[in-house]
């Protein structure tokens, strides 16, 4: 049982590493999330959507293709400084 667990674990890890989602950013600002890596075939990117159907987008409309994990990191909003004053505690009253 223990001898079969290690190859099974390694196989599962290898298979999960192959499943990636990609984000295609278009010229008009919209994004398409794909279930497979888009491939450039005869001037059009072909990919499978979430339902598993084959779709295509012309290469002239695509600005960039990135993996979904990188796209999520780029879209994180930066923390803004708040304009509200800090709340003062009662034990700092003697400093004022």
Protein backbone atom coordinates (compact mmCIF):
# COMPACT_ATOMS: atom_id res chain seq x y z
CA UNK A 1 0.00 0.00 0.00
CA UNK A 2 2.77 2.45 0.95
CA UNK A 3 4.76 1.57 -2.18
CA UNK A 4 1.83 2.53 -4.41
CA UNK A 5 1.14 5.79 -2.57
CA UNK A 6 4.33 7.58 -3.64
CA UNK A 7 3.93 7.04 -7.42
CA UNK A 8 0.25 7.94 -7.12
CA UNK A 9 1.09 11.17 -5.30
CA UNK A 10 3.75 12.10 -7.86
CA UNK A 11 1.34 11.38 -10.71
CA UNK A 12 -1.37 13.55 -9.20
CA UNK A 13 1.04 16.42 -8.69
CA UNK A 14 2.21 16.17 -12.30
CA UNK A 15 -1.34 16.20 -13.64
CA UNK A 16 -2.41 19.20 -11.58
CA UNK A 17 0.56 21.17 -12.87
CA UNK A 18 -0.75 20.86 -16.44
CA UNK A 19 -4.11 22.50 -15.77
CA UNK A 20 -3.68 26.24 -16.36
CA UNK A 21 -6.05 29.00 -17.27
CA UNK A 22 -4.96 31.85 -19.50
CA UNK A 23 -6.21 35.40 -19.93
CA UNK A 24 -6.34 37.00 -23.37
CA UNK A 25 -6.42 40.80 -23.23
CA UNK A 26 -8.00 42.37 -26.29
CA UNK A 27 -7.46 45.81 -27.85
CA UNK A 28 -10.83 47.09 -26.63
CA UNK A 29 -9.88 46.41 -22.98
CA UNK A 30 -11.94 43.25 -22.47
CA UNK A 31 -10.45 40.01 -21.18
CA UNK A 32 -11.22 36.41 -22.13
CA UNK A 33 -10.40 33.61 -19.69
CA UNK A 34 -9.57 30.38 -21.50
CA UNK A 35 -9.45 26.80 -20.24
CA UNK A 36 -6.57 25.87 -22.57
CA UNK A 37 -3.50 27.70 -23.84
CA UNK A 38 -4.38 29.79 -26.91
CA UNK A 39 -2.49 28.72 -30.04
CA UNK A 40 -1.85 30.92 -33.06
CA UNK A 41 -3.12 29.11 -36.16
CA UNK A 42 -3.36 30.90 -39.51
CA UNK A 43 -3.73 34.41 -38.06
CA UNK A 44 -6.20 33.50 -35.29
CA UNK A 45 -5.83 32.35 -31.69
CA UNK A 46 -7.75 29.11 -31.08
CA UNK A 47 -8.63 27.95 -27.57
CA UNK A 48 -11.21 26.01 -25.57
CA UNK A 49 -13.64 27.97 -23.43
CA UNK A 50 -15.04 26.97 -20.02
CA UNK A 51 -17.63 24.69 -21.66
CA UNK A 52 -14.95 22.90 -23.69
CA UNK A 53 -16.03 24.33 -27.03
CA UNK A 54 -13.42 25.39 -29.57
CA UNK A 55 -13.35 29.19 -30.04
CA UNK A 56 -11.15 31.59 -32.00
CA UNK A 57 -10.16 35.28 -31.94
CA UNK A 58 -8.24 36.99 -34.73
CA UNK A 59 -4.63 37.80 -33.84
CA UNK A 60 -5.10 41.49 -34.68
CA UNK A 61 -7.52 41.93 -31.77
CA UNK A 62 -5.29 40.27 -29.13
CA UNK A 63 -2.97 42.57 -27.20
CA UNK A 64 -1.41 39.93 -24.91
CA UNK A 65 -1.82 36.41 -23.55
CA UNK A 66 -0.81 35.75 -19.92
CA UNK A 67 -1.47 33.00 -17.41
CA UNK A 68 -4.35 33.67 -15.02
CA UNK A 69 -2.08 33.70 -11.97
CA UNK A 70 0.03 36.53 -13.44
CA UNK A 71 -3.05 38.46 -14.49
CA UNK A 72 -4.43 38.29 -10.95
CA UNK A 73 -1.19 39.73 -9.54
CA UNK A 74 -1.23 42.62 -12.03
CA UNK A 75 -4.84 43.56 -11.27
CA UNK A 76 -4.35 43.93 -7.49
CA UNK A 77 -5.24 47.46 -6.41
CA UNK A 78 -2.51 49.34 -4.61
CA UNK A 79 -3.19 50.41 -1.05
CA UNK A 80 -4.07 54.09 -0.80
CA UNK A 81 -3.27 56.24 2.17
CA UNK A 82 -6.40 57.18 4.01
CA UNK A 83 -7.16 60.83 4.67
CA UNK A 84 -8.87 60.06 7.96
CA UNK A 85 -6.86 60.96 11.04
CA UNK A 86 -5.59 58.20 13.25
CA UNK A 87 -7.65 57.41 16.31
CA UNK A 88 -5.92 58.57 19.45
CA UNK A 89 -6.01 56.42 22.51
CA UNK A 90 -6.71 57.76 26.00
CA UNK A 91 -3.22 56.98 27.23
CA UNK A 92 -1.71 59.38 24.67
CA UNK A 93 -3.72 62.36 25.99
CA UNK A 94 -0.91 63.50 28.27
CA UNK A 95 1.30 63.97 25.15
CA UNK A 96 -1.08 66.45 23.51
